[in-house]
Amino acid sequence: MELDHIKSRIAAAERAAGREAGSVTLIAVSKVQPAERVTAVLDAGHRTFGENYVQEAQGKWPDWRQRFAGVSVHMIGPLQSNKAKAAVELFDAIHTLDRISLARKLAHQIAEQGRTPQLFIQINTGDEPQKAGILADELPGFLDQCRDLGLSPQGLMCIPPEDADPVPHFRLLRRLAGDNGLDLLSMGMSADFETAIAEGATHVRIGSAIFGARDAG
């Protein structure tokens, strides 16, 4: 199946970059995919998935978690502050922390629920006004604010501008992470994940190359 092909390509990219085998986490982006496609990937043994919508994830992952041990679900889409409670309940990682109001809500829910999802700060590496994420030069101050709230972000995430060379954006993200003591880099999707691995990605988000074209969304 396509999952095996993608895993082989990830392993080859790790070797080509001199990376340790297994150092890159494959997030299978299952948003708006038919249930049978997702369960086929679960049946094949994959356990790390990405979702964009809290309500959609609420409707399917509680059941699948009961059926398949060891599932990890990552929030990779924009997160509304009023969904923070559900997000902390549902997700093992949140890749789209991008404003202090959301940080406050997450900090409250993490303290209340006793769950500690991994947190990635989304960086708008292309300074695109229509795209979520903080600007690169805002990161040190934003990190300080998050840490003052008791949060411990562990990584950064970016989505390079469409049709742009992703390499400068991946390199910027890696430099920002290094400069600010962060270890994780969520970058690279179906079209550019091998490039992202060469530039240091620890997490790649791949949907269509595994599942095929989405039916909606």
N, C-alpha and C. Protein backbone atom coordinates (compact mmCIF):
# COMPACT_ATOMS: atom_id res chain seq x y z
N MET A 1 0.85 -1.19 0.00
CA MET A 1 0.00 0.00 0.00
C MET A 1 0.89 1.25 0.00
N GLU A 2 0.24 2.39 -0.24
CA GLU A 2 1.00 3.64 -0.34
C GLU A 2 1.73 3.97 0.96
N LEU A 3 1.17 3.57 2.09
CA LEU A 3 1.84 3.82 3.37
C LEU A 3 3.24 3.23 3.37
N ASP A 4 3.38 2.01 2.90
CA ASP A 4 4.69 1.37 2.88
C ASP A 4 5.67 2.12 1.97
N HIS A 5 5.15 2.60 0.83
CA HIS A 5 5.99 3.35 -0.10
C HIS A 5 6.49 4.65 0.54
N ILE A 6 5.59 5.34 1.23
CA ILE A 6 5.97 6.60 1.89
C ILE A 6 6.98 6.33 3.00
N LYS A 7 6.77 5.28 3.76
CA LYS A 7 7.72 4.96 4.82
C LYS A 7 9.10 4.62 4.25
N SER A 8 9.11 3.94 3.12
CA SER A 8 10.39 3.63 2.47
C SER A 8 11.09 4.90 2.01
N ARG A 9 10.33 5.85 1.48
CA ARG A 9 10.91 7.12 1.04
C ARG A 9 11.43 7.93 2.22
N ILE A 10 10.72 7.90 3.33
CA ILE A 10 11.19 8.60 4.53
C ILE A 10 12.50 7.98 5.01
N ALA A 11 12.57 6.66 5.03
CA ALA A 11 13.79 5.98 5.47
C ALA A 11 14.96 6.32 4.55
N ALA A 12 14.70 6.37 3.24
CA ALA A 12 15.76 6.72 2.30
C ALA A 12 16.22 8.16 2.50
N ALA A 13 15.26 9.06 2.76
CA ALA A 13 15.61 10.46 2.99
C ALA A 13 16.42 10.62 4.27
N GLU A 14 16.07 9.85 5.30
CA GLU A 14 16.86 9.88 6.54
C GLU A 14 18.30 9.45 6.26
N ARG A 15 18.46 8.37 5.52
CA ARG A 15 19.81 7.88 5.21
C ARG A 15 20.58 8.91 4.40
N ALA A 16 19.92 9.48 3.39
CA ALA A 16 20.60 10.45 2.51
C ALA A 16 21.06 11.69 3.29
N ALA A 17 20.30 12.04 4.34
CA ALA A 17 20.64 13.21 5.14
C ALA A 17 21.57 12.89 6.30
N GLY A 18 21.98 11.61 6.41
CA GLY A 18 22.81 11.22 7.54
C GLY A 18 22.07 11.23 8.85
N ARG A 19 20.76 11.08 8.78
CA ARG A 19 19.92 11.09 9.98
C ARG A 19 19.79 9.68 10.53
N GLU A 20 19.55 9.58 11.81
CA GLU A 20 19.31 8.28 12.45
C GLU A 20 18.01 7.68 11.93
N ALA A 21 18.00 6.39 11.68
CA ALA A 21 16.79 5.70 11.22
C ALA A 21 15.69 5.87 12.27
N GLY A 22 14.51 6.23 11.80
CA GLY A 22 13.38 6.41 12.71
C GLY A 22 13.33 7.75 13.40
N SER A 23 14.19 8.68 13.01
CA SER A 23 14.22 9.99 13.67
C SER A 23 13.11 10.92 13.20
N VAL A 24 12.42 10.54 12.12
CA VAL A 24 11.33 11.37 11.59
C VAL A 24 10.00 10.68 11.86
N THR A 25 9.08 11.42 12.47
CA THR A 25 7.74 10.91 12.75
C THR A 25 6.81 11.21 11.57
N LEU A 26 6.18 10.18 11.05
CA LEU A 26 5.21 10.34 9.98
C LEU A 26 3.82 10.57 10.57
N ILE A 27 3.27 11.75 10.30
CA ILE A 27 1.89 12.06 10.70
C ILE A 27 1.01 11.84 9.47
N ALA A 28 0.17 10.82 9.53
CA ALA A 28 -0.76 10.54 8.43
C ALA A 28 -1.96 11.45 8.58
N VAL A 29 -2.13 12.38 7.63
CA VAL A 29 -3.17 13.41 7.75
C VAL A 29 -4.50 12.81 7.28
N SER A 30 -5.35 12.52 8.26
CA SER A 30 -6.57 11.78 8.00
C SER A 30 -7.81 12.65 7.92
N LYS A 31 -7.65 13.97 7.93
CA LYS A 31 -8.82 14.85 7.91
C LYS A 31 -9.69 14.57 6.67
N VAL A 32 -10.99 14.57 6.90
CA VAL A 32 -12.04 14.35 5.88
C VAL A 32 -11.77 13.17 4.95
N GLN A 33 -11.03 12.20 5.44
CA GLN A 33 -10.84 10.97 4.68
C GLN A 33 -11.94 9.97 5.06
N PRO A 34 -12.40 9.18 4.10
CA PRO A 34 -13.39 8.15 4.44
C PRO A 34 -12.85 7.20 5.51
N ALA A 35 -13.73 6.74 6.36
CA ALA A 35 -13.32 5.90 7.49
C ALA A 35 -12.57 4.66 7.03
N GLU A 36 -12.99 4.08 5.90
CA GLU A 36 -12.34 2.84 5.47
C GLU A 36 -10.89 3.07 5.08
N ARG A 37 -10.56 4.24 4.57
CA ARG A 37 -9.16 4.54 4.23
C ARG A 37 -8.32 4.66 5.50
N VAL A 38 -8.88 5.30 6.52
CA VAL A 38 -8.14 5.50 7.76
C VAL A 38 -7.97 4.18 8.49
N THR A 39 -9.01 3.39 8.57
CA THR A 39 -8.89 2.11 9.27
C THR A 39 -7.96 1.16 8.55
N ALA A 40 -7.85 1.29 7.22
CA ALA A 40 -6.87 0.46 6.50
C ALA A 40 -5.45 0.80 6.94
N VAL A 41 -5.18 2.07 7.15
CA VAL A 41 -3.85 2.48 7.62
C VAL A 41 -3.65 2.06 9.07
N LEU A 42 -4.69 2.14 9.89
CA LEU A 42 -4.61 1.63 11.26
C LEU A 42 -4.36 0.12 11.26
N ASP A 43 -5.07 -0.59 10.41
CA ASP A 43 -4.88 -2.05 10.32
C ASP A 43 -3.45 -2.40 9.89
N ALA A 44 -2.84 -1.51 9.12
CA ALA A 44 -1.46 -1.75 8.66
C ALA A 44 -0.44 -1.47 9.75
N GLY A 45 -0.90 -0.95 10.88
CA GLY A 45 -0.01 -0.76 12.02
C GLY A 45 0.42 0.66 12.29
N HIS A 46 0.01 1.61 11.43
CA HIS A 46 0.41 3.00 11.68
C HIS A 46 -0.45 3.58 12.80
N ARG A 47 0.16 4.43 13.62
CA ARG A 47 -0.55 4.91 14.81
C ARG A 47 -0.51 6.42 15.02
N THR A 48 0.13 7.19 14.15
CA THR A 48 0.23 8.65 14.35
C THR A 48 -0.52 9.36 13.23
N PHE A 49 -1.52 10.15 13.61
CA PHE A 49 -2.41 10.77 12.64
C PHE A 49 -2.57 12.26 12.91
N GLY A 50 -2.94 13.01 11.87
CA GLY A 50 -3.15 14.44 11.99
C GLY A 50 -4.55 14.82 11.59
N GLU A 51 -5.13 15.75 12.34
CA GLU A 51 -6.48 16.25 12.06
C GLU A 51 -6.47 17.77 12.06
N ASN A 52 -7.37 18.35 11.26
CA ASN A 52 -7.48 19.81 11.17
C ASN A 52 -8.66 20.38 11.94
N TYR A 53 -9.62 19.54 12.25
CA TYR A 53 -10.88 20.04 12.81
C TYR A 53 -11.22 19.29 14.09
N VAL A 54 -11.43 20.05 15.17
CA VAL A 54 -11.72 19.43 16.46
C VAL A 54 -12.99 18.60 16.39
N GLN A 55 -14.05 19.16 15.81
CA GLN A 55 -15.34 18.45 15.80
C GLN A 55 -15.24 17.13 15.04
N GLU A 56 -14.53 17.14 13.91
CA GLU A 56 -14.36 15.91 13.15
C GLU A 56 -13.59 14.87 13.97
N ALA A 57 -12.53 15.31 14.63
CA ALA A 57 -11.73 14.38 15.44
C ALA A 57 -12.55 13.81 16.58
N GLN A 58 -13.41 14.65 17.19
CA GLN A 58 -14.26 14.17 18.28
C GLN A 58 -15.19 13.05 17.81
N GLY A 59 -15.58 13.11 16.53
CA GLY A 59 -16.55 12.16 16.02
C GLY A 59 -15.98 10.80 15.68
N LYS A 60 -14.64 10.68 15.60
CA LYS A 60 -14.10 9.39 15.17
C LYS A 60 -13.00 8.83 16.05
N TRP A 61 -12.14 9.66 16.62
CA TRP A 61 -10.96 9.12 17.29
C TRP A 61 -11.24 8.47 18.64
N PRO A 62 -12.21 8.91 19.44
CA PRO A 62 -12.47 8.17 20.68
C PRO A 62 -12.77 6.69 20.43
N ASP A 63 -13.55 6.41 19.41
CA ASP A 63 -13.86 5.01 19.09
C ASP A 63 -12.63 4.28 18.57
N TRP A 64 -11.90 4.91 17.67
CA TRP A 64 -10.72 4.25 17.11
C TRP A 64 -9.64 4.02 18.17
N ARG A 65 -9.53 4.92 19.12
CA ARG A 65 -8.56 4.71 20.20
C ARG A 65 -8.89 3.45 21.01
N GLN A 66 -10.17 3.18 21.16
CA GLN A 66 -10.56 1.97 21.89
C GLN A 66 -10.24 0.72 21.09
N ARG A 67 -10.34 0.83 19.78
CA ARG A 67 -10.13 -0.34 18.91
C ARG A 67 -8.66 -0.59 18.60
N PHE A 68 -7.87 0.48 18.58
CA PHE A 68 -6.47 0.37 18.16
C PHE A 68 -5.58 0.97 19.24
N ALA A 69 -4.78 0.14 19.89
CA ALA A 69 -3.92 0.61 20.98
C ALA A 69 -2.78 1.46 20.44
N GLY A 70 -2.40 2.45 21.23
CA GLY A 70 -1.21 3.23 20.92
C GLY A 70 -1.38 4.35 19.93
N VAL A 71 -2.63 4.74 19.66
CA VAL A 71 -2.88 5.81 18.70
C VAL A 71 -2.44 7.16 19.26
N SER A 72 -1.83 7.99 18.42
CA SER A 72 -1.45 9.36 18.76
C SER A 72 -2.06 10.29 17.71
N VAL A 73 -2.83 11.27 18.16
CA VAL A 73 -3.52 12.17 17.23
C VAL A 73 -3.00 13.59 17.43
N HIS A 74 -2.61 14.23 16.32
CA HIS A 74 -2.01 15.56 16.34
C HIS A 74 -2.97 16.57 15.71
N MET A 75 -3.13 17.71 16.36
CA MET A 75 -3.90 18.82 15.80
C MET A 75 -2.97 19.63 14.91
N ILE A 76 -3.27 19.69 13.61
CA ILE A 76 -2.39 20.38 12.69
C ILE A 76 -3.08 21.53 11.96
N GLY A 77 -4.36 21.79 12.30
CA GLY A 77 -5.09 22.89 11.69
C GLY A 77 -5.26 24.04 12.67
N PRO A 78 -5.74 25.17 12.18
CA PRO A 78 -5.96 26.32 13.06
C PRO A 78 -6.89 25.94 14.22
N LEU A 79 -6.57 26.42 15.40
CA LEU A 79 -7.32 26.05 16.59
C LEU A 79 -7.98 27.28 17.18
N GLN A 80 -9.31 27.24 17.28
CA GLN A 80 -10.05 28.33 17.91
C GLN A 80 -9.87 28.24 19.43
N SER A 81 -9.77 29.39 20.06
CA SER A 81 -9.56 29.41 21.51
C SER A 81 -10.68 28.70 22.25
N ASN A 82 -11.92 28.80 21.73
CA ASN A 82 -13.04 28.17 22.42
C ASN A 82 -13.06 26.65 22.27
N LYS A 83 -12.11 26.11 21.49
CA LYS A 83 -11.99 24.66 21.34
C LYS A 83 -10.81 24.11 22.17
N ALA A 84 -10.22 24.96 23.01
CA ALA A 84 -9.03 24.53 23.74
C ALA A 84 -9.32 23.36 24.67
N LYS A 85 -10.45 23.37 25.34
CA LYS A 85 -10.78 22.28 26.26
C LYS A 85 -10.83 20.94 25.52
N ALA A 86 -11.57 20.92 24.41
CA ALA A 86 -11.68 19.69 23.63
C ALA A 86 -10.34 19.29 23.04
N ALA A 87 -9.56 20.27 22.63
CA ALA A 87 -8.26 19.97 22.01
C ALA A 87 -7.32 19.30 23.01
N VAL A 88 -7.29 19.79 24.24
CA VAL A 88 -6.42 19.18 25.25
C VAL A 88 -6.92 17.78 25.59
N GLU A 89 -8.23 17.59 25.59
CA GLU A 89 -8.80 16.26 25.85
C GLU A 89 -8.42 15.27 24.75
N LEU A 90 -8.43 15.74 23.50
CA LEU A 90 -8.34 14.86 22.33
C LEU A 90 -6.94 14.59 21.84
N PHE A 91 -6.11 15.63 21.80
CA PHE A 91 -4.88 15.56 21.02
C PHE A 91 -3.65 15.31 21.88
N ASP A 92 -2.73 14.56 21.30
CA ASP A 92 -1.44 14.29 21.94
C ASP A 92 -0.39 15.33 21.58
N ALA A 93 -0.67 16.11 20.54
CA ALA A 93 0.21 17.21 20.13
C ALA A 93 -0.64 18.26 19.43
N ILE A 94 -0.27 19.50 19.62
CA ILE A 94 -0.94 20.64 18.96
C ILE A 94 0.14 21.43 18.25
N HIS A 95 0.02 21.50 16.91
CA HIS A 95 1.08 22.09 16.08
C HIS A 95 0.81 23.55 15.75
N THR A 96 -0.29 24.13 16.22
CA THR A 96 -0.74 25.43 15.70
C THR A 96 -0.96 26.46 16.80
N LEU A 97 -0.08 26.46 17.80
CA LEU A 97 -0.12 27.51 18.81
C LEU A 97 0.42 28.79 18.17
N ASP A 98 -0.40 29.84 18.10
CA ASP A 98 -0.01 31.01 17.31
C ASP A 98 -0.45 32.35 17.89
N ARG A 99 -0.97 32.34 19.13
CA ARG A 99 -1.38 33.62 19.73
C ARG A 99 -1.50 33.44 21.23
N ILE A 100 -1.34 34.54 21.95
CA ILE A 100 -1.29 34.44 23.40
C ILE A 100 -2.65 34.10 23.99
N SER A 101 -3.73 34.51 23.36
CA SER A 101 -5.06 34.16 23.88
C SER A 101 -5.26 32.65 23.87
N LEU A 102 -4.79 31.99 22.82
CA LEU A 102 -4.86 30.53 22.76
C LEU A 102 -3.93 29.91 23.80
N ALA A 103 -2.76 30.48 23.97
CA ALA A 103 -1.82 29.96 24.97
C ALA A 103 -2.44 29.99 26.36
N ARG A 104 -3.13 31.07 26.68
CA ARG A 104 -3.78 31.17 28.00
C ARG A 104 -4.82 30.08 28.18
N LYS A 105 -5.64 29.88 27.16
CA LYS A 105 -6.68 28.85 27.24
C LYS A 105 -6.06 27.46 27.38
N LEU A 106 -5.03 27.19 26.60
CA LEU A 106 -4.38 25.88 26.68
C LEU A 106 -3.73 25.67 28.04
N ALA A 107 -3.08 26.70 28.56
CA ALA A 107 -2.44 26.58 29.87
C ALA A 107 -3.47 26.24 30.94
N HIS A 108 -4.62 26.89 30.88
CA HIS A 108 -5.68 26.62 31.85
C HIS A 108 -6.16 25.18 31.75
N GLN A 109 -6.40 24.72 30.53
CA GLN A 109 -6.92 23.37 30.34
C GLN A 109 -5.88 22.30 30.67
N ILE A 110 -4.63 22.56 30.34
CA ILE A 110 -3.57 21.61 30.69
C ILE A 110 -3.47 21.46 32.20
N ALA A 111 -3.54 22.57 32.91
CA ALA A 111 -3.50 22.50 34.37
C ALA A 111 -4.73 21.79 34.93
N GLU A 112 -5.89 22.07 34.34
CA GLU A 112 -7.13 21.49 34.85
C GLU A 112 -7.25 20.00 34.55
N GLN A 113 -6.83 19.61 33.36
CA GLN A 113 -7.01 18.23 32.94
C GLN A 113 -5.82 17.33 33.30
N GLY A 114 -4.67 17.93 33.56
CA GLY A 114 -3.50 17.12 33.86
C GLY A 114 -2.93 16.41 32.64
N ARG A 115 -3.31 16.86 31.46
CA ARG A 115 -2.75 16.30 30.22
C ARG A 115 -1.72 17.29 29.67
N THR A 116 -0.66 16.79 29.06
CA THR A 116 0.39 17.66 28.56
C THR A 116 0.70 17.33 27.10
N PRO A 117 -0.15 17.75 26.18
CA PRO A 117 0.16 17.53 24.77
C PRO A 117 1.44 18.27 24.38
N GLN A 118 2.19 17.68 23.45
CA GLN A 118 3.33 18.41 22.87
C GLN A 118 2.79 19.68 22.21
N LEU A 119 3.55 20.75 22.32
CA LEU A 119 3.13 22.02 21.72
C LEU A 119 4.17 22.49 20.71
N PHE A 120 3.69 22.84 19.53
CA PHE A 120 4.49 23.45 18.48
C PHE A 120 3.95 24.85 18.23
N ILE A 121 4.83 25.81 18.08
CA ILE A 121 4.43 27.17 17.72
C ILE A 121 4.47 27.30 16.21
N GLN A 122 3.37 27.77 15.63
CA GLN A 122 3.32 27.95 14.18
C GLN A 122 3.96 29.28 13.80
N ILE A 123 4.91 29.19 12.86
CA ILE A 123 5.60 30.38 12.37
C ILE A 123 5.14 30.67 10.94
N ASN A 124 4.75 31.90 10.71
CA ASN A 124 4.36 32.35 9.37
C ASN A 124 5.62 32.78 8.63
N THR A 125 6.35 31.81 8.10
CA THR A 125 7.67 32.08 7.54
C THR A 125 7.63 32.94 6.29
N GLY A 126 6.47 32.99 5.63
CA GLY A 126 6.34 33.80 4.42
C GLY A 126 5.72 35.16 4.66
N ASP A 127 5.49 35.50 5.94
CA ASP A 127 4.83 36.78 6.28
C ASP A 127 3.56 36.97 5.46
N GLU A 128 2.77 35.91 5.31
CA GLU A 128 1.55 35.97 4.51
C GLU A 128 0.38 36.44 5.38
N PRO A 129 -0.25 37.56 5.01
CA PRO A 129 -1.29 38.12 5.88
C PRO A 129 -2.49 37.20 6.06
N GLN A 130 -2.74 36.32 5.09
CA GLN A 130 -3.92 35.44 5.19
C GLN A 130 -3.64 34.17 5.97
N LYS A 131 -2.39 33.97 6.39
CA LYS A 131 -2.01 32.69 6.99
C LYS A 131 -1.77 32.86 8.49
N ALA A 132 -2.16 31.83 9.24
CA ALA A 132 -1.94 31.83 10.69
C ALA A 132 -0.44 31.70 10.99
N GLY A 133 -0.10 31.97 12.24
CA GLY A 133 1.29 31.85 12.66
C GLY A 133 1.87 33.18 13.08
N ILE A 134 2.79 33.16 14.03
CA ILE A 134 3.47 34.38 14.43
C ILE A 134 4.63 34.63 13.46
N LEU A 135 5.09 35.86 13.42
CA LEU A 135 6.24 36.19 12.58
C LEU A 135 7.53 35.76 13.28
N ALA A 136 8.55 35.53 12.48
CA ALA A 136 9.80 34.97 13.01
C ALA A 136 10.38 35.83 14.13
N ASP A 137 10.34 37.15 13.96
CA ASP A 137 10.97 38.00 14.97
C ASP A 137 10.14 38.13 16.25
N GLU A 138 8.94 37.59 16.23
CA GLU A 138 8.10 37.60 17.43
C GLU A 138 8.33 36.39 18.33
N LEU A 139 9.09 35.41 17.83
CA LEU A 139 9.20 34.15 18.55
C LEU A 139 9.80 34.28 19.95
N PRO A 140 10.93 34.96 20.15
CA PRO A 140 11.50 34.99 21.51
C PRO A 140 10.53 35.54 22.56
N GLY A 141 9.87 36.64 22.21
CA GLY A 141 8.92 37.21 23.16
C GLY A 141 7.71 36.32 23.39
N PHE A 142 7.23 35.69 22.33
CA PHE A 142 6.09 34.80 22.46
C PHE A 142 6.44 33.59 23.32
N LEU A 143 7.63 33.05 23.12
CA LEU A 143 8.08 31.93 23.94
C LEU A 143 8.13 32.33 25.43
N ASP A 144 8.63 33.51 25.70
CA ASP A 144 8.69 33.97 27.09
C ASP A 144 7.29 34.04 27.69
N GLN A 145 6.33 34.56 26.91
CA GLN A 145 4.96 34.65 27.40
C GLN A 145 4.38 33.26 27.67
N CYS A 146 4.64 32.33 26.76
CA CYS A 146 4.14 30.97 26.94
C CYS A 146 4.73 30.33 28.20
N ARG A 147 6.02 30.50 28.37
CA ARG A 147 6.68 29.91 29.54
C ARG A 147 6.21 30.55 30.83
N ASP A 148 5.90 31.85 30.79
CA ASP A 148 5.35 32.51 31.97
C ASP A 148 4.00 31.92 32.37
N LEU A 149 3.28 31.36 31.39
CA LEU A 149 1.99 30.72 31.65
C LEU A 149 2.15 29.26 32.11
N GLY A 150 3.38 28.80 32.14
CA GLY A 150 3.63 27.42 32.54
C GLY A 150 3.67 26.44 31.38
N LEU A 151 3.60 26.94 30.15
CA LEU A 151 3.67 26.07 28.98
C LEU A 151 5.11 25.81 28.60
N SER A 152 5.35 24.66 27.97
CA SER A 152 6.69 24.29 27.53
C SER A 152 6.67 23.88 26.06
N PRO A 153 6.55 24.84 25.14
CA PRO A 153 6.59 24.47 23.72
C PRO A 153 7.88 23.72 23.40
N GLN A 154 7.75 22.69 22.57
CA GLN A 154 8.90 21.84 22.25
C GLN A 154 9.36 21.97 20.81
N GLY A 155 8.56 22.65 19.97
CA GLY A 155 8.95 22.71 18.57
C GLY A 155 8.25 23.82 17.82
N LEU A 156 8.56 23.88 16.53
CA LEU A 156 8.00 24.86 15.62
C LEU A 156 7.36 24.16 14.43
N MET A 157 6.39 24.82 13.84
CA MET A 157 5.72 24.32 12.64
C MET A 157 5.62 25.43 11.61
N CYS A 158 5.72 25.06 10.33
CA CYS A 158 5.48 26.05 9.27
C CYS A 158 4.81 25.38 8.08
N ILE A 159 4.15 26.22 7.29
CA ILE A 159 3.59 25.85 5.99
C ILE A 159 4.13 26.87 5.00
N PRO A 160 5.14 26.53 4.21
CA PRO A 160 5.70 27.51 3.27
C PRO A 160 4.65 28.00 2.28
N PRO A 161 4.84 29.20 1.72
CA PRO A 161 3.90 29.71 0.73
C PRO A 161 3.75 28.74 -0.44
N GLU A 162 2.54 28.64 -0.92
CA GLU A 162 2.25 27.75 -2.05
C GLU A 162 3.08 28.18 -3.26
N ASP A 163 3.65 27.21 -3.94
CA ASP A 163 4.43 27.42 -5.17
C ASP A 163 5.78 28.09 -4.93
N ALA A 164 6.15 28.29 -3.66
CA ALA A 164 7.47 28.86 -3.36
C ALA A 164 8.46 27.72 -3.10
N ASP A 165 9.74 28.03 -3.29
CA ASP A 165 10.79 27.08 -2.91
C ASP A 165 10.72 26.92 -1.38
N PRO A 166 10.47 25.70 -0.88
CA PRO A 166 10.31 25.56 0.57
C PRO A 166 11.62 25.62 1.34
N VAL A 167 12.75 25.45 0.67
CA VAL A 167 14.02 25.32 1.38
C VAL A 167 14.32 26.52 2.29
N PRO A 168 14.21 27.76 1.81
CA PRO A 168 14.50 28.88 2.71
C PRO A 168 13.59 28.90 3.94
N HIS A 169 12.36 28.46 3.78
CA HIS A 169 11.42 28.44 4.90
C HIS A 169 11.78 27.34 5.89
N PHE A 170 12.16 26.18 5.39
CA PHE A 170 12.59 25.11 6.28
C PHE A 170 13.86 25.50 7.02
N ARG A 171 14.78 26.16 6.33
CA ARG A 171 16.03 26.57 6.98
C ARG A 171 15.79 27.65 8.03
N LEU A 172 14.86 28.56 7.75
CA LEU A 172 14.51 29.58 8.74
C LEU A 172 13.93 28.92 9.98
N LEU A 173 13.03 27.96 9.78
CA LEU A 173 12.42 27.29 10.93
C LEU A 173 13.47 26.57 11.76
N ARG A 174 14.39 25.90 11.08
CA ARG A 174 15.44 25.18 11.81
C ARG A 174 16.32 26.15 12.60
N ARG A 175 16.67 27.28 12.00
CA ARG A 175 17.50 28.25 12.69
C ARG A 175 16.78 28.82 13.91
N LEU A 176 15.50 29.14 13.74
CA LEU A 176 14.72 29.67 14.85
C LEU A 176 14.64 28.67 16.00
N ALA A 177 14.44 27.40 15.66
CA ALA A 177 14.37 26.38 16.70
C ALA A 177 15.70 26.29 17.44
N GLY A 178 16.80 26.26 16.69
CA GLY A 178 18.11 26.18 17.33
C GLY A 178 18.42 27.37 18.20
N ASP A 179 18.05 28.56 17.73
CA ASP A 179 18.33 29.78 18.48
C ASP A 179 17.51 29.86 19.77
N ASN A 180 16.39 29.14 19.81
CA ASN A 180 15.48 29.28 20.95
C ASN A 180 15.34 27.99 21.76
N GLY A 181 16.26 27.06 21.55
CA GLY A 181 16.30 25.86 22.38
C GLY A 181 15.15 24.89 22.18
N LEU A 182 14.64 24.81 20.96
CA LEU A 182 13.53 23.90 20.66
C LEU A 182 14.04 22.75 19.80
N ASP A 183 13.52 21.56 20.05
CA ASP A 183 14.07 20.36 19.42
C ASP A 183 13.28 19.84 18.23
N LEU A 184 11.99 20.19 18.13
CA LEU A 184 11.12 19.55 17.15
C LEU A 184 10.77 20.49 16.01
N LEU A 185 10.73 19.94 14.80
CA LEU A 185 10.41 20.72 13.60
C LEU A 185 9.33 20.00 12.81
N SER A 186 8.13 20.57 12.79
CA SER A 186 7.01 20.02 12.02
C SER A 186 6.96 20.76 10.69
N MET A 187 7.50 20.10 9.66
CA MET A 187 7.56 20.76 8.35
C MET A 187 7.70 19.69 7.27
N GLY A 188 7.08 19.96 6.14
CA GLY A 188 7.10 19.01 5.04
C GLY A 188 5.78 18.29 4.90
N MET A 189 5.25 18.29 3.67
CA MET A 189 4.00 17.62 3.36
C MET A 189 4.22 16.70 2.16
N SER A 190 3.14 16.26 1.54
CA SER A 190 3.25 15.23 0.50
C SER A 190 4.23 15.61 -0.61
N ALA A 191 4.24 16.90 -1.00
CA ALA A 191 5.04 17.30 -2.15
C ALA A 191 6.50 17.59 -1.83
N ASP A 192 6.83 17.78 -0.54
CA ASP A 192 8.19 18.25 -0.22
C ASP A 192 8.78 17.62 1.03
N PHE A 193 8.24 16.48 1.47
CA PHE A 193 8.70 15.95 2.75
C PHE A 193 10.15 15.48 2.72
N GLU A 194 10.63 15.00 1.58
CA GLU A 194 12.03 14.57 1.52
C GLU A 194 12.97 15.77 1.65
N THR A 195 12.60 16.88 1.05
CA THR A 195 13.37 18.12 1.21
C THR A 195 13.35 18.55 2.67
N ALA A 196 12.19 18.46 3.31
CA ALA A 196 12.08 18.85 4.72
C ALA A 196 12.97 17.97 5.60
N ILE A 197 13.01 16.68 5.31
CA ILE A 197 13.86 15.77 6.09
C ILE A 197 15.33 16.16 5.93
N ALA A 198 15.72 16.49 4.72
CA ALA A 198 17.10 16.93 4.48
C ALA A 198 17.44 18.18 5.27
N GLU A 199 16.41 19.01 5.54
CA GLU A 199 16.62 20.26 6.27
C GLU A 199 16.36 20.13 7.76
N GLY A 200 16.09 18.90 8.24
CA GLY A 200 16.01 18.69 9.68
C GLY A 200 14.64 18.41 10.26
N ALA A 201 13.62 18.20 9.44
CA ALA A 201 12.28 17.92 9.96
C ALA A 201 12.30 16.73 10.92
N THR A 202 11.59 16.86 12.02
CA THR A 202 11.37 15.72 12.92
C THR A 202 9.97 15.14 12.73
N HIS A 203 9.05 15.92 12.17
CA HIS A 203 7.68 15.48 11.91
C HIS A 203 7.29 15.93 10.51
N VAL A 204 6.79 15.01 9.71
CA VAL A 204 6.26 15.36 8.38
C VAL A 204 4.78 15.01 8.35
N ARG A 205 4.00 15.86 7.67
CA ARG A 205 2.54 15.75 7.66
C ARG A 205 2.10 15.35 6.24
N ILE A 206 1.69 14.11 6.08
CA ILE A 206 1.44 13.57 4.74
C ILE A 206 0.03 13.00 4.69
N GLY A 207 -0.77 13.53 3.76
CA GLY A 207 -2.14 13.06 3.61
C GLY A 207 -2.39 12.39 2.29
N SER A 208 -2.44 13.18 1.22
CA SER A 208 -2.87 12.65 -0.08
C SER A 208 -1.95 11.56 -0.61
N ALA A 209 -0.65 11.65 -0.31
CA ALA A 209 0.29 10.64 -0.80
C ALA A 209 0.06 9.28 -0.14
N ILE A 210 -0.62 9.27 0.99
CA ILE A 210 -0.97 8.02 1.67
C ILE A 210 -2.39 7.58 1.34
N PHE A 211 -3.33 8.52 1.50
CA PHE A 211 -4.75 8.18 1.41
C PHE A 211 -5.37 8.38 0.04
N GLY A 212 -4.70 9.17 -0.81
CA GLY A 212 -5.33 9.59 -2.05
C GLY A 212 -6.03 10.92 -1.84
N ALA A 213 -6.59 11.46 -2.90
CA ALA A 213 -7.24 12.78 -2.84
C ALA A 213 -8.39 12.73 -1.86
N ARG A 214 -8.55 13.84 -1.10
CA ARG A 214 -9.67 13.93 -0.16
C ARG A 214 -10.98 14.13 -0.90
N ASP A 215 -12.05 13.67 -0.27
CA ASP A 215 -13.38 13.82 -0.88
C ASP A 215 -13.93 15.22 -0.70
N ALA A 216 -13.46 15.93 0.33
CA ALA A 216 -13.98 17.27 0.63
C ALA A 216 -12.96 18.00 1.45
N GLY A 217 -13.15 19.34 1.62
CA GLY A 217 -12.32 20.12 2.54
C GLY A 217 -10.98 20.49 1.94
